[in-house]
Amino acid sequence: MPSVDMESLTDREDPRRVQPVRDEDWEPVREAITQLYWTENRELRELMKVMEARHNFYATYGLSLAT
């Protein structure tokens, strides 16, 4: 497998980027989200930016229409 120059990648190309799809994807960061939202009273947009910067976790907000 060829090496990847991490400096040249944009966020969307970063292979380490985590975008949750299943409920299980949230478990590794659930405690951090709870801390930021409930304990530190961060607003959702700020929480999302912190999660991106600290945990490479990229989530969107809105209603899930999946059944």
PDB file of N, CA and C in Angstrom:
ATOM      1  N   MET A   1       0.843  -1.179   0.000  1.00  0.00           N
ATOM      2  CA  MET A   1       0.000   0.000   0.000  1.00  0.00           C
ATOM      3  C   MET A   1       0.892   1.246   0.000  1.00  0.00           C
ATOM      4  N   PRO A   2       0.667   2.200  -0.899  1.00  0.00           N
ATOM      5  CA  PRO A   2       1.507   3.401  -0.955  1.00  0.00           C
ATOM      6  C   PRO A   2       1.270   4.284   0.266  1.00  0.00           C
ATOM      7  N   SER A   3       2.321   5.006   0.646  1.00  0.00           N
ATOM      8  CA  SER A   3       2.177   5.905   1.789  1.00  0.00           C
ATOM      9  C   SER A   3       1.379   7.139   1.384  1.00  0.00           C
ATOM     10  N   VAL A   4       0.734   7.758   2.376  1.00  0.00           N
ATOM     11  CA  VAL A   4      -0.103   8.928   2.136  1.00  0.00           C
ATOM     12  C   VAL A   4       0.558  10.133   2.791  1.00  0.00           C
ATOM     13  N   ASP A   5       0.704  11.207   2.032  1.00  0.00           N
ATOM     14  CA  ASP A   5       1.246  12.451   2.567  1.00  0.00           C
ATOM     15  C   ASP A   5       0.119  13.169   3.311  1.00  0.00           C
ATOM     16  N   MET A   6       0.099  13.064   4.637  1.00  0.00           N
ATOM     17  CA  MET A   6      -0.982  13.614   5.442  1.00  0.00           C
ATOM     18  C   MET A   6      -1.045  15.131   5.361  1.00  0.00           C
ATOM     19  N   GLU A   7       0.053  15.793   5.115  1.00  0.00           N
ATOM     20  CA  GLU A   7       0.077  17.251   5.035  1.00  0.00           C
ATOM     21  C   GLU A   7      -0.680  17.771   3.820  1.00  0.00           C
ATOM     22  N   SER A   8      -0.742  16.979   2.766  1.00  0.00           N
ATOM     23  CA  SER A   8      -1.363  17.452   1.537  1.00  0.00           C
ATOM     24  C   SER A   8      -2.862  17.143   1.461  1.00  0.00           C
ATOM     25  N   LEU A   9      -3.369  16.442   2.445  1.00  0.00           N
ATOM     26  CA  LEU A   9      -4.780  16.066   2.414  1.00  0.00           C
ATOM     27  C   LEU A   9      -5.678  17.160   2.974  1.00  0.00           C
ATOM     28  N   THR A  10      -6.859  17.290   2.420  1.00  0.00           N
ATOM     29  CA  THR A  10      -7.877  18.134   3.031  1.00  0.00           C
ATOM     30  C   THR A  10      -8.605  17.270   4.045  1.00  0.00           C
ATOM     31  N   ASP A  11      -9.444  17.883   4.902  1.00  0.00           N
ATOM     32  CA  ASP A  11     -10.199  17.136   5.903  1.00  0.00           C
ATOM     33  C   ASP A  11     -11.017  16.016   5.274  1.00  0.00           C
ATOM     34  N   ARG A  12     -11.664  16.302   4.146  1.00  0.00           N
ATOM     35  CA  ARG A  12     -12.531  15.299   3.527  1.00  0.00           C
ATOM     36  C   ARG A  12     -11.740  14.122   2.964  1.00  0.00           C
ATOM     37  N   GLU A  13     -10.461  14.310   2.689  1.00  0.00           N
ATOM     38  CA  GLU A  13      -9.640  13.236   2.143  1.00  0.00           C
ATOM     39  C   GLU A  13      -8.897  12.471   3.223  1.00  0.00           C
ATOM     40  N   ASP A  14      -8.927  12.929   4.448  1.00  0.00           N
ATOM     41  CA  ASP A  14      -8.173  12.325   5.536  1.00  0.00           C
ATOM     42  C   ASP A  14      -8.696  10.919   5.820  1.00  0.00           C
ATOM     43  N   PRO A  15      -7.876   9.896   5.629  1.00  0.00           N
ATOM     44  CA  PRO A  15      -8.347   8.526   5.847  1.00  0.00           C
ATOM     45  C   PRO A  15      -8.639   8.234   7.309  1.00  0.00           C
ATOM     46  N   ARG A  16      -8.157   9.051   8.222  1.00  0.00           N
ATOM     47  CA  ARG A  16      -8.425   8.854   9.648  1.00  0.00           C
ATOM     48  C   ARG A  16      -9.753   9.459  10.067  1.00  0.00           C
ATOM     49  N   ARG A  17     -10.371  10.211   9.197  1.00  0.00           N
ATOM     50  CA  ARG A  17     -11.617  10.906   9.498  1.00  0.00           C
ATOM     51  C   ARG A  17     -12.727   9.909   9.821  1.00  0.00           C
ATOM     52  N   VAL A  18     -13.430  10.163  10.923  1.00  0.00           N
ATOM     53  CA  VAL A  18     -14.534   9.303  11.323  1.00  0.00           C
ATOM     54  C   VAL A  18     -15.835  10.052  11.129  1.00  0.00           C
ATOM     55  N   GLN A  19     -16.716   9.496  10.332  1.00  0.00           N
ATOM     56  CA  GLN A  19     -18.046  10.061  10.152  1.00  0.00           C
ATOM     57  C   GLN A  19     -19.031   8.980  10.575  1.00  0.00           C
ATOM     58  N   PRO A  20     -19.778   9.230  11.654  1.00  0.00           N
ATOM     59  CA  PRO A  20     -20.635   8.179  12.196  1.00  0.00           C
ATOM     60  C   PRO A  20     -21.768   7.808  11.253  1.00  0.00           C
ATOM     61  N   VAL A  21     -21.999   6.516  11.157  1.00  0.00           N
ATOM     62  CA  VAL A  21     -23.087   6.005  10.340  1.00  0.00           C
ATOM     63  C   VAL A  21     -24.005   5.152  11.218  1.00  0.00           C
ATOM     64  N   ARG A  22     -23.387   4.345  12.072  1.00  0.00           N
ATOM     65  CA  ARG A  22     -24.150   3.441  12.935  1.00  0.00           C
ATOM     66  C   ARG A  22     -24.084   3.921  14.382  1.00  0.00           C
ATOM     67  N   ASP A  23     -24.977   3.434  15.215  1.00  0.00           N
ATOM     68  CA  ASP A  23     -24.971   3.784  16.635  1.00  0.00           C
ATOM     69  C   ASP A  23     -23.621   3.464  17.269  1.00  0.00           C
ATOM     70  N   GLU A  24     -23.012   2.363  16.843  1.00  0.00           N
ATOM     71  CA  GLU A  24     -21.733   1.928  17.407  1.00  0.00           C
ATOM     72  C   GLU A  24     -20.604   2.930  17.141  1.00  0.00           C
ATOM     73  N   ASP A  25     -20.738   3.725  16.100  1.00  0.00           N
ATOM     74  CA  ASP A  25     -19.709   4.708  15.753  1.00  0.00           C
ATOM     75  C   ASP A  25     -19.601   5.810  16.801  1.00  0.00           C
ATOM     76  N   TRP A  26     -20.666   6.019  17.557  1.00  0.00           N
ATOM     77  CA  TRP A  26     -20.702   7.090  18.561  1.00  0.00           C
ATOM     78  C   TRP A  26     -20.071   6.671  19.882  1.00  0.00           C
ATOM     79  N   GLU A  27     -20.025   5.382  20.161  1.00  0.00           N
ATOM     80  CA  GLU A  27     -19.572   4.904  21.468  1.00  0.00           C
ATOM     81  C   GLU A  27     -18.176   5.390  21.872  1.00  0.00           C
ATOM     82  N   PRO A  28     -17.182   5.350  21.002  1.00  0.00           N
ATOM     83  CA  PRO A  28     -15.846   5.783  21.417  1.00  0.00           C
ATOM     84  C   PRO A  28     -15.766   7.259  21.835  1.00  0.00           C
ATOM     85  N   VAL A  29     -16.710   8.082  21.383  1.00  0.00           N
ATOM     86  CA  VAL A  29     -16.647   9.517  21.695  1.00  0.00           C
ATOM     87  C   VAL A  29     -17.809  10.001  22.556  1.00  0.00           C
ATOM     88  N   ARG A  30     -18.673   9.090  22.967  1.00  0.00           N
ATOM     89  CA  ARG A  30     -19.855   9.458  23.747  1.00  0.00           C
ATOM     90  C   ARG A  30     -19.496  10.233  25.016  1.00  0.00           C
ATOM     91  N   GLU A  31     -18.508   9.783  25.743  1.00  0.00           N
ATOM     92  CA  GLU A  31     -18.106  10.449  26.984  1.00  0.00           C
ATOM     93  C   GLU A  31     -17.602  11.870  26.711  1.00  0.00           C
ATOM     94  N   ALA A  32     -16.827  12.056  25.653  1.00  0.00           N
ATOM     95  CA  ALA A  32     -16.317  13.389  25.309  1.00  0.00           C
ATOM     96  C   ALA A  32     -17.463  14.323  24.927  1.00  0.00           C
ATOM     97  N   ILE A  33     -18.427  13.815  24.173  1.00  0.00           N
ATOM     98  CA  ILE A  33     -19.577  14.636  23.773  1.00  0.00           C
ATOM     99  C   ILE A  33     -20.389  15.041  24.999  1.00  0.00           C
ATOM    100  N   THR A  34     -20.621  14.093  25.885  1.00  0.00           N
ATOM    101  CA  THR A  34     -21.367  14.371  27.115  1.00  0.00           C
ATOM    102  C   THR A  34     -20.666  15.435  27.940  1.00  0.00           C
ATOM    103  N   GLN A  35     -19.357  15.317  28.085  1.00  0.00           N
ATOM    104  CA  GLN A  35     -18.572  16.300  28.847  1.00  0.00           C
ATOM    105  C   GLN A  35     -18.709  17.684  28.244  1.00  0.00           C
ATOM    106  N   LEU A  36     -18.515  17.796  26.936  1.00  0.00           N
ATOM    107  CA  LEU A  36     -18.566  19.096  26.278  1.00  0.00           C
ATOM    108  C   LEU A  36     -19.960  19.720  26.337  1.00  0.00           C
ATOM    109  N   TYR A  37     -20.981  18.922  26.125  1.00  0.00           N
ATOM    110  CA  TYR A  37     -22.343  19.458  26.029  1.00  0.00           C
ATOM    111  C   TYR A  37     -22.967  19.714  27.397  1.00  0.00           C
ATOM    112  N   TRP A  38     -22.960  18.716  28.246  1.00  0.00           N
ATOM    113  CA  TRP A  38     -23.655  18.844  29.531  1.00  0.00           C
ATOM    114  C   TRP A  38     -22.816  19.516  30.608  1.00  0.00           C
ATOM    115  N   THR A  39     -21.552  19.167  30.714  1.00  0.00           N
ATOM    116  CA  THR A  39     -20.714  19.708  31.785  1.00  0.00           C
ATOM    117  C   THR A  39     -20.159  21.085  31.433  1.00  0.00           C
ATOM    118  N   GLU A  40     -19.674  21.244  30.200  1.00  0.00           N
ATOM    119  CA  GLU A  40     -19.073  22.512  29.791  1.00  0.00           C
ATOM    120  C   GLU A  40     -20.072  23.457  29.122  1.00  0.00           C
ATOM    121  N   ASN A  41     -21.298  23.003  28.925  1.00  0.00           N
ATOM    122  CA  ASN A  41     -22.370  23.820  28.325  1.00  0.00           C
ATOM    123  C   ASN A  41     -21.983  24.418  26.970  1.00  0.00           C
ATOM    124  N   ARG A  42     -21.306  23.630  26.164  1.00  0.00           N
ATOM    125  CA  ARG A  42     -20.925  24.102  24.821  1.00  0.00           C
ATOM    126  C   ARG A  42     -22.123  24.039  23.892  1.00  0.00           C
ATOM    127  N   GLU A  43     -22.211  24.982  22.977  1.00  0.00           N
ATOM    128  CA  GLU A  43     -23.248  24.946  21.956  1.00  0.00           C
ATOM    129  C   GLU A  43     -22.893  23.873  20.928  1.00  0.00           C
ATOM    130  N   LEU A  44     -23.901  23.389  20.225  1.00  0.00           N
ATOM    131  CA  LEU A  44     -23.700  22.284  19.295  1.00  0.00           C
ATOM    132  C   LEU A  44     -22.643  22.574  18.241  1.00  0.00           C
ATOM    133  N   ARG A  45     -22.682  23.731  17.634  1.00  0.00           N
ATOM    134  CA  ARG A  45     -21.681  24.047  16.586  1.00  0.00           C
ATOM    135  C   ARG A  45     -20.266  24.041  17.158  1.00  0.00           C
ATOM    136  N   GLU A  46     -20.095  24.581  18.361  1.00  0.00           N
ATOM    137  CA  GLU A  46     -18.778  24.585  18.996  1.00  0.00           C
ATOM    138  C   GLU A  46     -18.357  23.161  19.353  1.00  0.00           C
ATOM    139  N   LEU A  47     -19.289  22.383  19.880  1.00  0.00           N
ATOM    140  CA  LEU A  47     -19.009  20.990  20.220  1.00  0.00           C
ATOM    141  C   LEU A  47     -18.528  20.229  18.985  1.00  0.00           C
ATOM    142  N   MET A  48     -19.194  20.446  17.869  1.00  0.00           N
ATOM    143  CA  MET A  48     -18.811  19.764  16.632  1.00  0.00           C
ATOM    144  C   MET A  48     -17.403  20.147  16.194  1.00  0.00           C
ATOM    145  N   LYS A  49     -17.049  21.403  16.329  1.00  0.00           N
ATOM    146  CA  LYS A  49     -15.701  21.843  15.950  1.00  0.00           C
ATOM    147  C   LYS A  49     -14.645  21.220  16.860  1.00  0.00           C
ATOM    148  N   VAL A  50     -14.942  21.145  18.151  1.00  0.00           N
ATOM    149  CA  VAL A  50     -14.009  20.528  19.098  1.00  0.00           C
ATOM    150  C   VAL A  50     -13.833  19.049  18.776  1.00  0.00           C
ATOM    151  N   MET A  51     -14.926  18.366  18.487  1.00  0.00           N
ATOM    152  CA  MET A  51     -14.845  16.935  18.169  1.00  0.00           C
ATOM    153  C   MET A  51     -14.044  16.703  16.888  1.00  0.00           C
ATOM    154  N   GLU A  52     -14.181  17.586  15.924  1.00  0.00           N
ATOM    155  CA  GLU A  52     -13.393  17.466  14.701  1.00  0.00           C
ATOM    156  C   GLU A  52     -11.909  17.647  14.993  1.00  0.00           C
ATOM    157  N   ALA A  53     -11.579  18.680  15.774  1.00  0.00           N
ATOM    158  CA  ALA A  53     -10.177  18.999  16.047  1.00  0.00           C
ATOM    159  C   ALA A  53      -9.508  17.972  16.963  1.00  0.00           C
ATOM    160  N   ARG A  54     -10.183  17.572  18.011  1.00  0.00           N
ATOM    161  CA  ARG A  54      -9.573  16.684  19.017  1.00  0.00           C
ATOM    162  C   ARG A  54      -9.690  15.203  18.691  1.00  0.00           C
ATOM    163  N   HIS A  55     -10.779  14.809  18.055  1.00  0.00           N
ATOM    164  CA  HIS A  55     -11.056  13.387  17.874  1.00  0.00           C
ATOM    165  C   HIS A  55     -11.186  12.963  16.411  1.00  0.00           C
ATOM    166  N   ASN A  56     -11.023  13.928  15.493  1.00  0.00           N
ATOM    167  CA  ASN A  56     -11.167  13.635  14.067  1.00  0.00           C
ATOM    168  C   ASN A  56     -12.525  12.992  13.789  1.00  0.00           C
ATOM    169  N   PHE A  57     -13.545  13.477  14.505  1.00  0.00           N
ATOM    170  CA  PHE A  57     -14.902  12.936  14.457  1.00  0.00           C
ATOM    171  C   PHE A  57     -15.811  13.965  13.810  1.00  0.00           C
ATOM    172  N   TYR A  58     -16.354  13.643  12.662  1.00  0.00           N
ATOM    173  CA  TYR A  58     -17.147  14.577  11.870  1.00  0.00           C
ATOM    174  C   TYR A  58     -18.594  14.102  11.806  1.00  0.00           C
ATOM    175  N   ALA A  59     -19.457  14.780  12.533  1.00  0.00           N
ATOM    176  CA  ALA A  59     -20.876  14.434  12.536  1.00  0.00           C
ATOM    177  C   ALA A  59     -21.684  15.614  12.021  1.00  0.00           C
ATOM    178  N   THR A  60     -22.843  15.310  11.508  1.00  0.00           N
ATOM    179  CA  THR A  60     -23.770  16.353  11.088  1.00  0.00           C
ATOM    180  C   THR A  60     -24.933  16.363  12.063  1.00  0.00           C
ATOM    181  N   TYR A  61     -25.710  17.407  12.036  1.00  0.00           N
ATOM    182  CA  TYR A  61     -26.866  17.439  12.907  1.00  0.00           C
ATOM    183  C   TYR A  61     -28.125  17.556  12.072  1.00  0.00           C
ATOM    184  N   GLY A  62     -29.186  17.080  12.630  1.00  0.00           N
ATOM    185  CA  GLY A  62     -30.475  17.075  11.936  1.00  0.00           C
ATOM    186  C   GLY A  62     -31.207  15.795  12.272  1.00  0.00           C
ATOM    187  N   LEU A  63     -32.388  15.673  11.754  1.00  0.00           N
ATOM    188  CA  LEU A  63     -33.180  14.491  12.016  1.00  0.00           C
ATOM    189  C   LEU A  63     -32.698  13.337  11.170  1.00  0.00           C
ATOM    190  N   SER A  64     -32.660  12.175  11.775  1.00  0.00           N
ATOM    191  CA  SER A  64     -32.320  10.990  11.036  1.00  0.00           C
ATOM    192  C   SER A  64     -33.602  10.376  10.509  1.00  0.00           C
ATOM    193  N   LEU A  65     -33.656  10.120   9.225  1.00  0.00           N
ATOM    194  CA  LEU A  65     -34.838   9.552   8.617  1.00  0.00           C
ATOM    195  C   LEU A  65     -34.677   8.050   8.392  1.00  0.00           C
ATOM    196  N   ALA A  66     -33.554   7.515   8.848  1.00  0.00           N
ATOM    197  CA  ALA A  66     -33.319   6.080   8.687  1.00  0.00           C
ATOM    198  C   ALA A  66     -34.259   5.297   9.592  1.00  0.00           C
ATOM    199  N   THR A  67     -34.724   4.179   9.099  1.00  0.00           N
ATOM    200  CA  THR A  67     -35.607   3.333   9.901  1.00  0.00           C
ATOM    201  C   THR A  67     -34.985   1.994  10.143  1.00  0.00           C
TER     202      THR A  67
END
